[in-house]
Amino acid sequence: MSSFIADHSEVPANRPDGIAIDLRGTGTAWTGATPFAVSNVAGCSILNPPGPIVASGTLARLKIATGNATGTLHVTDGTTTINVAVRRYRRPAWFPGLT
């Protein structure tokens, strides 16, 4: 049985340019044809053209764009699904440059 983890347990909402997350698998055999997908949170998609970057059978990088919606994002490799939280971060009043 295969499994994988993401190096981020949560990602910020409102990142249309995307945020990269690395996936590390155990017992996986990922290739460029692996059907990675995200679902369950509106406005989220995989940006890497034309899809994920697979470095090896056990290491892949997804660049995930997020919209305004928050919730639990399902990330799948077509066999196994993990959850990554999409949440909104508040800018501290004392640091107006933080986005």
PDB file of N, CA and C in Angstrom:
ATOM      1  N   MET A   1       0.842  -1.177   0.000  1.00  0.00           N
ATOM      2  CA  MET A   1       0.000   0.000   0.000  1.00  0.00           C
ATOM      3  C   MET A   1       0.889   1.244   0.000  1.00  0.00           C
ATOM      4  N   SER A   2       0.564   2.193  -0.849  1.00  0.00           N
ATOM      5  CA  SER A   2       1.356   3.410  -0.922  1.00  0.00           C
ATOM      6  C   SER A   2       0.725   4.524  -0.093  1.00  0.00           C
ATOM      7  N   SER A   3       1.555   5.492   0.252  1.00  0.00           N
ATOM      8  CA  SER A   3       1.088   6.664   0.980  1.00  0.00           C
ATOM      9  C   SER A   3       1.992   7.832   0.623  1.00  0.00           C
ATOM     10  N   PHE A   4       1.541   9.036   0.946  1.00  0.00           N
ATOM     11  CA  PHE A   4       2.403  10.198   0.760  1.00  0.00           C
ATOM     12  C   PHE A   4       2.010  11.298   1.722  1.00  0.00           C
ATOM     13  N   ILE A   5       2.943  12.216   1.934  1.00  0.00           N
ATOM     14  CA  ILE A   5       2.718  13.366   2.795  1.00  0.00           C
ATOM     15  C   ILE A   5       3.106  14.621   2.020  1.00  0.00           C
ATOM     16  N   ALA A   6       2.572  15.751   2.459  1.00  0.00           N
ATOM     17  CA  ALA A   6       2.927  17.049   1.877  1.00  0.00           C
ATOM     18  C   ALA A   6       3.790  17.800   2.872  1.00  0.00           C
ATOM     19  N   ASP A   7       4.699  18.619   2.349  1.00  0.00           N
ATOM     20  CA  ASP A   7       5.555  19.388   3.247  1.00  0.00           C
ATOM     21  C   ASP A   7       4.825  20.579   3.871  1.00  0.00           C
ATOM     22  N   HIS A   8       3.597  20.864   3.423  1.00  0.00           N
ATOM     23  CA  HIS A   8       2.758  21.909   4.018  1.00  0.00           C
ATOM     24  C   HIS A   8       1.464  21.255   4.489  1.00  0.00           C
ATOM     25  N   SER A   9       1.091  21.491   5.729  1.00  0.00           N
ATOM     26  CA  SER A   9      -0.200  20.990   6.200  1.00  0.00           C
ATOM     27  C   SER A   9      -1.303  21.996   5.915  1.00  0.00           C
ATOM     28  N   GLU A  10      -0.905  23.223   5.581  1.00  0.00           N
ATOM     29  CA  GLU A  10      -1.884  24.236   5.200  1.00  0.00           C
ATOM     30  C   GLU A  10      -1.248  25.202   4.208  1.00  0.00           C
ATOM     31  N   VAL A  11      -2.097  25.798   3.382  1.00  0.00           N
ATOM     32  CA  VAL A  11      -1.663  26.787   2.408  1.00  0.00           C
ATOM     33  C   VAL A  11      -2.597  27.988   2.517  1.00  0.00           C
ATOM     34  N   PRO A  12      -2.115  29.172   2.136  1.00  0.00           N
ATOM     35  CA  PRO A  12      -2.955  30.363   2.241  1.00  0.00           C
ATOM     36  C   PRO A  12      -3.965  30.475   1.097  1.00  0.00           C
ATOM     37  N   ALA A  13      -5.129  31.009   1.415  1.00  0.00           N
ATOM     38  CA  ALA A  13      -6.119  31.341   0.394  1.00  0.00           C
ATOM     39  C   ALA A  13      -5.629  32.576  -0.359  1.00  0.00           C
ATOM     40  N   ASN A  14      -6.273  32.870  -1.470  1.00  0.00           N
ATOM     41  CA  ASN A  14      -5.988  34.069  -2.269  1.00  0.00           C
ATOM     42  C   ASN A  14      -4.565  34.105  -2.814  1.00  0.00           C
ATOM     43  N   ARG A  15      -4.111  32.986  -3.340  1.00  0.00           N
ATOM     44  CA  ARG A  15      -2.795  32.913  -3.983  1.00  0.00           C
ATOM     45  C   ARG A  15      -2.985  32.445  -5.430  1.00  0.00           C
ATOM     46  N   PRO A  16      -3.498  33.325  -6.297  1.00  0.00           N
ATOM     47  CA  PRO A  16      -3.743  32.910  -7.684  1.00  0.00           C
ATOM     48  C   PRO A  16      -2.471  32.532  -8.443  1.00  0.00           C
ATOM     49  N   ASP A  17      -1.318  33.046  -7.996  1.00  0.00           N
ATOM     50  CA  ASP A  17      -0.054  32.690  -8.638  1.00  0.00           C
ATOM     51  C   ASP A  17       0.489  31.368  -8.118  1.00  0.00           C
ATOM     52  N   GLY A  18      -0.115  30.837  -7.067  1.00  0.00           N
ATOM     53  CA  GLY A  18       0.214  29.514  -6.562  1.00  0.00           C
ATOM     54  C   GLY A  18       1.259  29.478  -5.468  1.00  0.00           C
ATOM     55  N   ILE A  19       1.253  28.366  -4.775  1.00  0.00           N
ATOM     56  CA  ILE A  19       2.247  28.067  -3.755  1.00  0.00           C
ATOM     57  C   ILE A  19       2.704  26.631  -3.991  1.00  0.00           C
ATOM     58  N   ALA A  20       4.004  26.415  -3.938  1.00  0.00           N
ATOM     59  CA  ALA A  20       4.550  25.080  -4.207  1.00  0.00           C
ATOM     60  C   ALA A  20       4.482  24.218  -2.961  1.00  0.00           C
ATOM     61  N   ILE A  21       4.048  22.981  -3.140  1.00  0.00           N
ATOM     62  CA  ILE A  21       4.128  22.000  -2.065  1.00  0.00           C
ATOM     63  C   ILE A  21       4.841  20.768  -2.612  1.00  0.00           C
ATOM     64  N   ASP A  22       5.703  20.227  -1.795  1.00  0.00           N
ATOM     65  CA  ASP A  22       6.414  19.005  -2.165  1.00  0.00           C
ATOM     66  C   ASP A  22       5.710  17.813  -1.556  1.00  0.00           C
ATOM     67  N   LEU A  23       5.553  16.776  -2.336  1.00  0.00           N
ATOM     68  CA  LEU A  23       4.934  15.528  -1.884  1.00  0.00           C
ATOM     69  C   LEU A  23       6.016  14.465  -1.819  1.00  0.00           C
ATOM     70  N   ARG A  24       6.028  13.728  -0.721  1.00  0.00           N
ATOM     71  CA  ARG A  24       7.003  12.643  -0.546  1.00  0.00           C
ATOM     72  C   ARG A  24       6.227  11.350  -0.332  1.00  0.00           C
ATOM     73  N   GLY A  25       6.476  10.404  -1.219  1.00  0.00           N
ATOM     74  CA  GLY A  25       5.727   9.162  -1.184  1.00  0.00           C
ATOM     75  C   GLY A  25       6.513   8.001  -0.618  1.00  0.00           C
ATOM     76  N   THR A  26       5.772   7.018  -0.139  1.00  0.00           N
ATOM     77  CA  THR A  26       6.316   5.742   0.303  1.00  0.00           C
ATOM     78  C   THR A  26       5.568   4.660  -0.458  1.00  0.00           C
ATOM     79  N   GLY A  27       6.296   3.863  -1.216  1.00  0.00           N
ATOM     80  CA  GLY A  27       5.656   2.821  -2.011  1.00  0.00           C
ATOM     81  C   GLY A  27       4.968   3.361  -3.253  1.00  0.00           C
ATOM     82  N   THR A  28       5.263   4.614  -3.626  1.00  0.00           N
ATOM     83  CA  THR A  28       4.682   5.196  -4.825  1.00  0.00           C
ATOM     84  C   THR A  28       5.606   4.967  -6.010  1.00  0.00           C
ATOM     85  N   ALA A  29       5.054   5.089  -7.191  1.00  0.00           N
ATOM     86  CA  ALA A  29       5.842   4.958  -8.422  1.00  0.00           C
ATOM     87  C   ALA A  29       5.371   6.054  -9.375  1.00  0.00           C
ATOM     88  N   TRP A  30       5.465   7.306  -8.922  1.00  0.00           N
ATOM     89  CA  TRP A  30       4.958   8.427  -9.703  1.00  0.00           C
ATOM     90  C   TRP A  30       5.755   8.629 -10.986  1.00  0.00           C
ATOM     91  N   THR A  31       5.043   9.036 -12.013  1.00  0.00           N
ATOM     92  CA  THR A  31       5.638   9.389 -13.304  1.00  0.00           C
ATOM     93  C   THR A  31       4.943  10.662 -13.787  1.00  0.00           C
ATOM     94  N   GLY A  32       5.349  11.126 -14.939  1.00  0.00           N
ATOM     95  CA  GLY A  32       4.684  12.283 -15.523  1.00  0.00           C
ATOM     96  C   GLY A  32       3.226  12.025 -15.862  1.00  0.00           C
ATOM     97  N   ALA A  33       2.827  10.761 -15.914  1.00  0.00           N
ATOM     98  CA  ALA A  33       1.443  10.400 -16.227  1.00  0.00           C
ATOM     99  C   ALA A  33       0.584  10.199 -14.982  1.00  0.00           C
ATOM    100  N   THR A  34       1.157  10.367 -13.794  1.00  0.00           N
ATOM    101  CA  THR A  34       0.380  10.199 -12.560  1.00  0.00           C
ATOM    102  C   THR A  34      -0.713  11.264 -12.517  1.00  0.00           C
ATOM    103  N   PRO A  35      -1.973  10.862 -12.279  1.00  0.00           N
ATOM    104  CA  PRO A  35      -3.091  11.816 -12.347  1.00  0.00           C
ATOM    105  C   PRO A  35      -3.304  12.620 -11.064  1.00  0.00           C
ATOM    106  N   PHE A  36      -2.314  13.437 -10.696  1.00  0.00           N
ATOM    107  CA  PHE A  36      -2.481  14.291  -9.517  1.00  0.00           C
ATOM    108  C   PHE A  36      -3.653  15.232  -9.746  1.00  0.00           C
ATOM    109  N   ALA A  37      -4.399  15.493  -8.680  1.00  0.00           N
ATOM    110  CA  ALA A  37      -5.540  16.410  -8.765  1.00  0.00           C
ATOM    111  C   ALA A  37      -5.820  16.986  -7.386  1.00  0.00           C
ATOM    112  N   VAL A  38      -6.475  18.137  -7.370  1.00  0.00           N
ATOM    113  CA  VAL A  38      -6.943  18.746  -6.125  1.00  0.00           C
ATOM    114  C   VAL A  38      -8.443  18.962  -6.253  1.00  0.00           C
ATOM    115  N   SER A  39      -9.137  18.886  -5.116  1.00  0.00           N
ATOM    116  CA  SER A  39     -10.586  19.067  -5.128  1.00  0.00           C
ATOM    117  C   SER A  39     -11.069  19.490  -3.741  1.00  0.00           C
ATOM    118  N   ASN A  40     -12.332  19.820  -3.669  1.00  0.00           N
ATOM    119  CA  ASN A  40     -13.068  20.089  -2.447  1.00  0.00           C
ATOM    120  C   ASN A  40     -13.010  21.545  -1.983  1.00  0.00           C
ATOM    121  N   VAL A  41     -12.157  22.393  -2.556  1.00  0.00           N
ATOM    122  CA  VAL A  41     -12.136  23.814  -2.209  1.00  0.00           C
ATOM    123  C   VAL A  41     -12.228  24.602  -3.516  1.00  0.00           C
ATOM    124  N   ALA A  42     -13.273  25.412  -3.640  1.00  0.00           N
ATOM    125  CA  ALA A  42     -13.495  26.186  -4.860  1.00  0.00           C
ATOM    126  C   ALA A  42     -12.312  27.098  -5.153  1.00  0.00           C
ATOM    127  N   GLY A  43     -11.961  27.187  -6.427  1.00  0.00           N
ATOM    128  CA  GLY A  43     -10.904  28.090  -6.855  1.00  0.00           C
ATOM    129  C   GLY A  43      -9.505  27.528  -6.771  1.00  0.00           C
ATOM    130  N   CYS A  44      -9.355  26.293  -6.334  1.00  0.00           N
ATOM    131  CA  CYS A  44      -8.025  25.683  -6.237  1.00  0.00           C
ATOM    132  C   CYS A  44      -7.746  24.840  -7.472  1.00  0.00           C
ATOM    133  N   SER A  45      -6.498  24.926  -7.954  1.00  0.00           N
ATOM    134  CA  SER A  45      -6.099  24.146  -9.119  1.00  0.00           C
ATOM    135  C   SER A  45      -4.589  23.944  -9.105  1.00  0.00           C
ATOM    136  N   ILE A  46      -4.132  22.989  -9.911  1.00  0.00           N
ATOM    137  CA  ILE A  46      -2.701  22.748 -10.061  1.00  0.00           C
ATOM    138  C   ILE A  46      -2.218  23.587 -11.238  1.00  0.00           C
ATOM    139  N   LEU A  47      -1.169  24.393 -11.014  1.00  0.00           N
ATOM    140  CA  LEU A  47      -0.675  25.311 -12.041  1.00  0.00           C
ATOM    141  C   LEU A  47       0.463  24.784 -12.886  1.00  0.00           C
ATOM    142  N   ASN A  48       1.329  23.922 -12.331  1.00  0.00           N
ATOM    143  CA  ASN A  48       2.537  23.528 -13.052  1.00  0.00           C
ATOM    144  C   ASN A  48       2.195  23.169 -14.491  1.00  0.00           C
ATOM    145  N   PRO A  49       2.751  23.857 -15.464  1.00  0.00           N
ATOM    146  CA  PRO A  49       2.417  23.478 -16.844  1.00  0.00           C
ATOM    147  C   PRO A  49       3.206  22.262 -17.280  1.00  0.00           C
ATOM    148  N   PRO A  50       2.595  21.253 -17.833  1.00  0.00           N
ATOM    149  CA  PRO A  50       1.146  21.088 -17.942  1.00  0.00           C
ATOM    150  C   PRO A  50       0.550  20.394 -16.736  1.00  0.00           C
ATOM    151  N   GLY A  51       1.317  20.217 -15.682  1.00  0.00           N
ATOM    152  CA  GLY A  51       0.841  19.571 -14.472  1.00  0.00           C
ATOM    153  C   GLY A  51       1.962  19.478 -13.459  1.00  0.00           C
ATOM    154  N   PRO A  52       1.885  18.538 -12.562  1.00  0.00           N
ATOM    155  CA  PRO A  52       2.902  18.396 -11.516  1.00  0.00           C
ATOM    156  C   PRO A  52       4.294  18.117 -12.066  1.00  0.00           C
ATOM    157  N   ILE A  53       5.281  18.475 -11.298  1.00  0.00           N
ATOM    158  CA  ILE A  53       6.664  18.151 -11.617  1.00  0.00           C
ATOM    159  C   ILE A  53       7.023  16.914 -10.808  1.00  0.00           C
ATOM    160  N   VAL A  54       7.298  15.811 -11.476  1.00  0.00           N
ATOM    161  CA  VAL A  54       7.649  14.565 -10.803  1.00  0.00           C
ATOM    162  C   VAL A  54       9.161  14.400 -10.895  1.00  0.00           C
ATOM    163  N   ALA A  55       9.821  14.477  -9.740  1.00  0.00           N
ATOM    164  CA  ALA A  55      11.279  14.371  -9.702  1.00  0.00           C
ATOM    165  C   ALA A  55      11.728  12.919  -9.659  1.00  0.00           C
ATOM    166  N   SER A  56      10.911  12.066  -9.041  1.00  0.00           N
ATOM    167  CA  SER A  56      11.226  10.640  -8.950  1.00  0.00           C
ATOM    168  C   SER A  56       9.936   9.895  -8.649  1.00  0.00           C
ATOM    169  N   GLY A  57      10.038   8.610  -8.480  1.00  0.00           N
ATOM    170  CA  GLY A  57       8.862   7.813  -8.153  1.00  0.00           C
ATOM    171  C   GLY A  57       8.272   8.115  -6.796  1.00  0.00           C
ATOM    172  N   THR A  58       9.042   8.840  -5.971  1.00  0.00           N
ATOM    173  CA  THR A  58       8.575   9.137  -4.607  1.00  0.00           C
ATOM    174  C   THR A  58       8.630  10.621  -4.261  1.00  0.00           C
ATOM    175  N   LEU A  59       8.904  11.486  -5.230  1.00  0.00           N
ATOM    176  CA  LEU A  59       8.984  12.926  -4.962  1.00  0.00           C
ATOM    177  C   LEU A  59       8.342  13.703  -6.103  1.00  0.00           C
ATOM    178  N   ALA A  60       7.388  14.560  -5.752  1.00  0.00           N
ATOM    179  CA  ALA A  60       6.721  15.400  -6.744  1.00  0.00           C
ATOM    180  C   ALA A  60       6.482  16.782  -6.149  1.00  0.00           C
ATOM    181  N   ARG A  61       6.390  17.765  -7.015  1.00  0.00           N
ATOM    182  CA  ARG A  61       6.086  19.133  -6.582  1.00  0.00           C
ATOM    183  C   ARG A  61       4.847  19.610  -7.323  1.00  0.00           C
ATOM    184  N   LEU A  62       3.883  20.116  -6.558  1.00  0.00           N
ATOM    185  CA  LEU A  62       2.680  20.705  -7.132  1.00  0.00           C
ATOM    186  C   LEU A  62       2.694  22.187  -6.824  1.00  0.00           C
ATOM    187  N   LYS A  63       2.354  23.000  -7.801  1.00  0.00           N
ATOM    188  CA  LYS A  63       2.136  24.422  -7.557  1.00  0.00           C
ATOM    189  C   LYS A  63       0.636  24.617  -7.584  1.00  0.00           C
ATOM    190  N   ILE A  64       0.082  24.944  -6.417  1.00  0.00           N
ATOM    191  CA  ILE A  64      -1.364  25.009  -6.264  1.00  0.00           C
ATOM    192  C   ILE A  64      -1.820  26.452  -6.153  1.00  0.00           C
ATOM    193  N   ALA A  65      -2.713  26.855  -7.053  1.00  0.00           N
ATOM    194  CA  ALA A  65      -3.343  28.169  -6.995  1.00  0.00           C
ATOM    195  C   ALA A  65      -4.553  28.067  -6.081  1.00  0.00           C
ATOM    196  N   THR A  66      -4.761  29.091  -5.259  1.00  0.00           N
ATOM    197  CA  THR A  66      -5.920  29.110  -4.386  1.00  0.00           C
ATOM    198  C   THR A  66      -6.726  30.377  -4.634  1.00  0.00           C
ATOM    199  N   GLY A  67      -8.014  30.272  -4.434  1.00  0.00           N
ATOM    200  CA  GLY A  67      -8.910  31.412  -4.559  1.00  0.00           C
ATOM    201  C   GLY A  67      -9.295  31.918  -3.181  1.00  0.00           C
ATOM    202  N   ASN A  68     -10.452  32.526  -3.106  1.00  0.00           N
ATOM    203  CA  ASN A  68     -10.920  33.118  -1.857  1.00  0.00           C
ATOM    204  C   ASN A  68     -11.473  32.084  -0.871  1.00  0.00           C
ATOM    205  N   ALA A  69     -11.889  30.929  -1.362  1.00  0.00           N
ATOM    206  CA  ALA A  69     -12.517  29.914  -0.510  1.00  0.00           C
ATOM    207  C   ALA A  69     -11.493  29.272   0.427  1.00  0.00           C
ATOM    208  N   THR A  70     -11.979  28.832   1.566  1.00  0.00           N
ATOM    209  CA  THR A  70     -11.154  28.107   2.531  1.00  0.00           C
ATOM    210  C   THR A  70     -11.792  26.752   2.796  1.00  0.00           C
ATOM    211  N   GLY A  71     -11.027  25.871   3.420  1.00  0.00           N
ATOM    212  CA  GLY A  71     -11.551  24.550   3.748  1.00  0.00           C
ATOM    213  C   GLY A  71     -10.472  23.498   3.659  1.00  0.00           C
ATOM    214  N   THR A  72     -10.911  22.261   3.521  1.00  0.00           N
ATOM    215  CA  THR A  72      -9.992  21.127   3.448  1.00  0.00           C
ATOM    216  C   THR A  72      -9.809  20.727   1.992  1.00  0.00           C
ATOM    217  N   LEU A  73      -8.594  20.926   1.493  1.00  0.00           N
ATOM    218  CA  LEU A  73      -8.276  20.585   0.111  1.00  0.00           C
ATOM    219  C   LEU A  73      -7.859  19.126   0.041  1.00  0.00           C
ATOM    220  N   HIS A  74      -8.464  18.385  -0.880  1.00  0.00           N
ATOM    221  CA  HIS A  74      -8.081  17.001  -1.112  1.00  0.00           C
ATOM    222  C   HIS A  74      -7.026  16.975  -2.223  1.00  0.00           C
ATOM    223  N   VAL A  75      -5.893  16.357  -1.929  1.00  0.00           N
ATOM    224  CA  VAL A  75      -4.811  16.204  -2.911  1.00  0.00           C
ATOM    225  C   VAL A  75      -4.677  14.706  -3.168  1.00  0.00           C
ATOM    226  N   THR A  76      -4.789  14.297  -4.420  1.00  0.00           N
ATOM    227  CA  THR A  76      -4.735  12.876  -4.742  1.00  0.00           C
ATOM    228  C   THR A  76      -3.732  12.591  -5.855  1.00  0.00           C
ATOM    229  N   ASP A  77      -3.195  11.389  -5.817  1.00  0.00           N
ATOM    230  CA  ASP A  77      -2.342  10.904  -6.903  1.00  0.00           C
ATOM    231  C   ASP A  77      -3.095   9.867  -7.731  1.00  0.00           C
ATOM    232  N   GLY A  78      -4.401   9.805  -7.541  1.00  0.00           N
ATOM    233  CA  GLY A  78      -5.233   8.842  -8.255  1.00  0.00           C
ATOM    234  C   GLY A  78      -5.444   7.557  -7.481  1.00  0.00           C
ATOM    235  N   THR A  79      -4.661   7.350  -6.425  1.00  0.00           N
ATOM    236  CA  THR A  79      -4.778   6.162  -5.586  1.00  0.00           C
ATOM    237  C   THR A  79      -5.026   6.549  -4.132  1.00  0.00           C
ATOM    238  N   THR A  80      -4.230   7.476  -3.655  1.00  0.00           N
ATOM    239  CA  THR A  80      -4.276   7.909  -2.260  1.00  0.00           C
ATOM    240  C   THR A  80      -4.634   9.389  -2.206  1.00  0.00           C
ATOM    241  N   THR A  81      -5.380   9.782  -1.182  1.00  0.00           N
ATOM    242  CA  THR A  81      -5.767  11.180  -1.001  1.00  0.00           C
ATOM    243  C   THR A  81      -5.322  11.658   0.366  1.00  0.00           C
ATOM    244  N   ILE A  82      -4.737  12.859   0.401  1.00  0.00           N
ATOM    245  CA  ILE A  82      -4.391  13.498   1.670  1.00  0.00           C
ATOM    246  C   ILE A  82      -5.121  14.834   1.749  1.00  0.00           C
ATOM    247  N   ASN A  83      -5.145  15.416   2.929  1.00  0.00           N
ATOM    248  CA  ASN A  83      -5.811  16.693   3.148  1.00  0.00           C
ATOM    249  C   ASN A  83      -4.797  17.783   3.466  1.00  0.00           C
ATOM    250  N   VAL A  84      -5.030  18.949   2.887  1.00  0.00           N
ATOM    251  CA  VAL A  84      -4.242  20.143   3.165  1.00  0.00           C
ATOM    252  C   VAL A  84      -5.237  21.263   3.432  1.00  0.00           C
ATOM    253  N   ALA A  85      -5.077  21.965   4.542  1.00  0.00           N
ATOM    254  CA  ALA A  85      -5.996  23.048   4.884  1.00  0.00           C
ATOM    255  C   ALA A  85      -5.702  24.279   4.024  1.00  0.00           C
ATOM    256  N   VAL A  86      -6.755  24.926   3.554  1.00  0.00           N
ATOM    257  CA  VAL A  86      -6.638  26.220   2.873  1.00  0.00           C
ATOM    258  C   VAL A  86      -7.259  27.222   3.828  1.00  0.00           C
ATOM    259  N   ARG A  87      -6.444  28.177   4.275  1.00  0.00           N
ATOM    260  CA  ARG A  87      -6.982  29.134   5.240  1.00  0.00           C
ATOM    261  C   ARG A  87      -6.571  30.550   4.907  1.00  0.00           C
ATOM    262  N   ARG A  88      -7.329  31.453   5.448  1.00  0.00           N
ATOM    263  CA  ARG A  88      -7.098  32.874   5.245  1.00  0.00           C
ATOM    264  C   ARG A  88      -6.258  33.377   6.407  1.00  0.00           C
ATOM    265  N   TYR A  89      -5.230  34.127   6.079  1.00  0.00           N
ATOM    266  CA  TYR A  89      -4.357  34.695   7.103  1.00  0.00           C
ATOM    267  C   TYR A  89      -4.658  36.173   7.237  1.00  0.00           C
ATOM    268  N   ARG A  90      -4.662  36.640   8.458  1.00  0.00           N
ATOM    269  CA  ARG A  90      -4.912  38.052   8.717  1.00  0.00           C
ATOM    270  C   ARG A  90      -3.586  38.795   8.800  1.00  0.00           C
ATOM    271  N   ARG A  91      -3.564  39.958   8.217  1.00  0.00           N
ATOM    272  CA  ARG A  91      -2.368  40.786   8.255  1.00  0.00           C
ATOM    273  C   ARG A  91      -2.309  41.513   9.592  1.00  0.00           C
ATOM    274  N   PRO A  92      -1.201  41.389  10.332  1.00  0.00           N
ATOM    275  CA  PRO A  92      -1.070  42.124  11.588  1.00  0.00           C
ATOM    276  C   PRO A  92      -1.084  43.635  11.325  1.00  0.00           C
ATOM    277  N   ALA A  93      -1.768  44.387  12.158  1.00  0.00           N
ATOM    278  CA  ALA A  93      -1.865  45.838  11.981  1.00  0.00           C
ATOM    279  C   ALA A  93      -0.490  46.500  12.063  1.00  0.00           C
ATOM    280  N   TRP A  94       0.403  45.922  12.830  1.00  0.00           N
ATOM    281  CA  TRP A  94       1.730  46.520  13.012  1.00  0.00           C
ATOM    282  C   TRP A  94       2.655  46.238  11.839  1.00  0.00           C
ATOM    283  N   PHE A  95       2.254  45.398  10.871  1.00  0.00           N
ATOM    284  CA  PHE A  95       3.115  45.053   9.746  1.00  0.00           C
ATOM    285  C   PHE A  95       2.315  45.150   8.454  1.00  0.00           C
ATOM    286  N   PRO A  96       2.081  46.376   7.988  1.00  0.00           N
ATOM    287  CA  PRO A  96       1.178  46.553   6.828  1.00  0.00           C
ATOM    288  C   PRO A  96       1.725  45.964   5.529  1.00  0.00           C
ATOM    289  N   GLY A  97       3.015  45.658   5.431  1.00  0.00           N
ATOM    290  CA  GLY A  97       3.555  45.120   4.191  1.00  0.00           C
ATOM    291  C   GLY A  97       3.322  43.640   4.001  1.00  0.00           C
ATOM    292  N   LEU A  98       2.900  42.925   5.060  1.00  0.00           N
ATOM    293  CA  LEU A  98       2.660  41.488   4.973  1.00  0.00           C
ATOM    294  C   LEU A  98       1.416  41.206   4.170  1.00  0.00           C
ATOM    295  N   THR A  99       1.513  40.276   3.234  1.00  0.00           N
ATOM    296  CA  THR A  99       0.328  39.915   2.440  1.00  0.00           C
ATOM    297  C   THR A  99      -0.007  38.466   2.650  1.00  0.00           C
TER     298      THR A  99
END
